[in-house]
Amino acid sequence: MARTFTSKPGKTAKFYRSNPEAAAKHSKDETARNDTPKKKKYRADLQRRRRALKIDGKGKSTGDISHPSMKVESTKKNRARGGAQRK
């Protein structure tokens, strides 16, 4: 299935859309970074925790996960904890 693009991209998305060489380099760099044993172990650990919480592969929104406690919480609480406004 093809990826759908947003009609209002942010600065980074705009940059990569208008600079295909930079986008290719970024993709290559990210592929290499995500292929490291450390990242693979990190993703496997998150997957294990999601399975334990029984929220893996449900095909629906499950709210947000609080890190590092890995508790399911509402999106509102997760966003209220900081974001751009946190000092």
Protein backbone atom coordinates (compact mmCIF):
# COMPACT_ATOMS: atom_id res chain seq x y z
CA MET A 1 0.00 0.00 0.00
CA ALA A 2 1.39 3.39 -0.97
CA ARG A 3 2.11 5.94 1.71
CA THR A 4 -0.20 8.96 1.79
CA PHE A 5 1.36 12.37 2.26
CA THR A 6 -0.10 15.13 4.39
CA SER A 7 -1.28 18.26 2.64
CA LYS A 8 0.40 20.45 5.28
CA PRO A 9 3.92 19.08 5.79
CA GLY A 10 6.31 20.46 8.40
CA LYS A 11 9.66 22.06 7.68
CA THR A 12 11.58 18.79 7.56
CA ALA A 13 9.10 17.08 5.25
CA LYS A 14 9.09 20.09 2.94
CA PHE A 15 12.88 20.03 2.82
CA TYR A 16 13.13 16.34 1.96
CA ARG A 17 10.33 16.58 -0.64
CA SER A 18 12.18 19.36 -2.45
CA ASN A 19 15.66 17.78 -2.07
CA PRO A 20 15.56 14.16 -3.30
CA GLU A 21 19.33 13.69 -2.90
CA ALA A 22 19.13 14.72 0.76
CA ALA A 23 16.09 12.47 1.24
CA ALA A 24 17.99 9.50 -0.21
CA LYS A 25 20.97 10.18 2.07
CA HIS A 26 18.69 10.55 5.09
CA SER A 27 16.94 7.28 4.27
CA LYS A 28 20.27 5.50 3.88
CA ASP A 29 21.57 6.91 7.17
CA GLU A 30 18.40 5.96 9.05
CA THR A 31 18.47 2.45 7.58
CA ALA A 32 22.03 1.99 8.83
CA ARG A 33 21.16 3.43 12.26
CA ASN A 34 18.12 1.19 12.67
CA ASP A 35 20.11 -1.88 11.62
CA THR A 36 22.45 -1.73 14.63
CA PRO A 37 22.21 -4.46 17.29
CA LYS A 38 21.38 -1.83 19.93
CA LYS A 39 18.35 -0.58 17.99
CA LYS A 40 17.17 -4.11 17.18
CA LYS A 41 17.37 -5.00 20.88
CA TYR A 42 15.47 -1.82 21.80
CA ARG A 43 12.65 -2.57 19.33
CA ALA A 44 12.46 -6.19 20.47
CA ASP A 45 12.16 -5.05 24.09
CA LEU A 46 9.33 -2.63 23.25
CA GLN A 47 7.55 -5.36 21.30
CA ARG A 48 7.89 -7.76 24.22
CA ARG A 49 6.41 -5.17 26.58
CA ARG A 50 3.54 -4.41 24.19
CA ARG A 51 2.74 -8.12 23.98
CA ALA A 52 2.73 -8.35 27.78
CA LEU A 53 0.24 -5.45 27.93
CA LYS A 54 -1.87 -7.22 25.29
CA ILE A 55 -1.93 -4.15 23.04
CA ASP A 56 0.24 -5.53 20.26
CA GLY A 57 -1.32 -6.08 16.86
CA LYS A 58 -4.81 -4.97 17.79
CA GLY A 59 -5.18 -2.86 14.66
CA LYS A 60 -6.69 0.04 16.56
CA SER A 61 -5.55 3.01 18.57
CA THR A 62 -4.57 1.99 22.08
CA GLY A 63 -3.85 5.45 23.43
CA ASP A 64 -0.28 6.18 24.37
CA ILE A 65 2.38 4.34 26.29
CA SER A 66 4.13 6.08 29.16
CA HIS A 67 7.88 5.52 29.02
CA PRO A 68 9.73 3.99 30.81
CA SER A 69 6.92 2.50 32.92
CA MET A 70 5.13 1.19 29.79
CA LYS A 71 1.66 1.88 31.16
CA VAL A 72 -1.22 2.59 28.80
CA GLU A 73 -2.51 6.11 29.30
CA SER A 74 -4.73 8.56 27.48
CA THR A 75 -3.31 10.71 24.72
CA LYS A 76 -4.46 13.79 26.64
CA LYS A 77 -2.36 12.90 29.71
CA ASN A 78 0.64 12.08 27.58
CA ARG A 79 0.49 15.41 25.76
CA ALA A 80 -0.26 17.39 28.91
CA ARG A 81 3.03 16.27 30.43
CA GLY A 82 5.16 18.52 28.27
CA GLY A 83 5.70 18.93 24.61
CA ALA A 84 6.58 22.32 23.17
CA GLN A 85 5.35 24.19 26.25
CA ARG A 86 7.54 22.36 28.77
CA LYS A 87 10.40 24.50 30.03
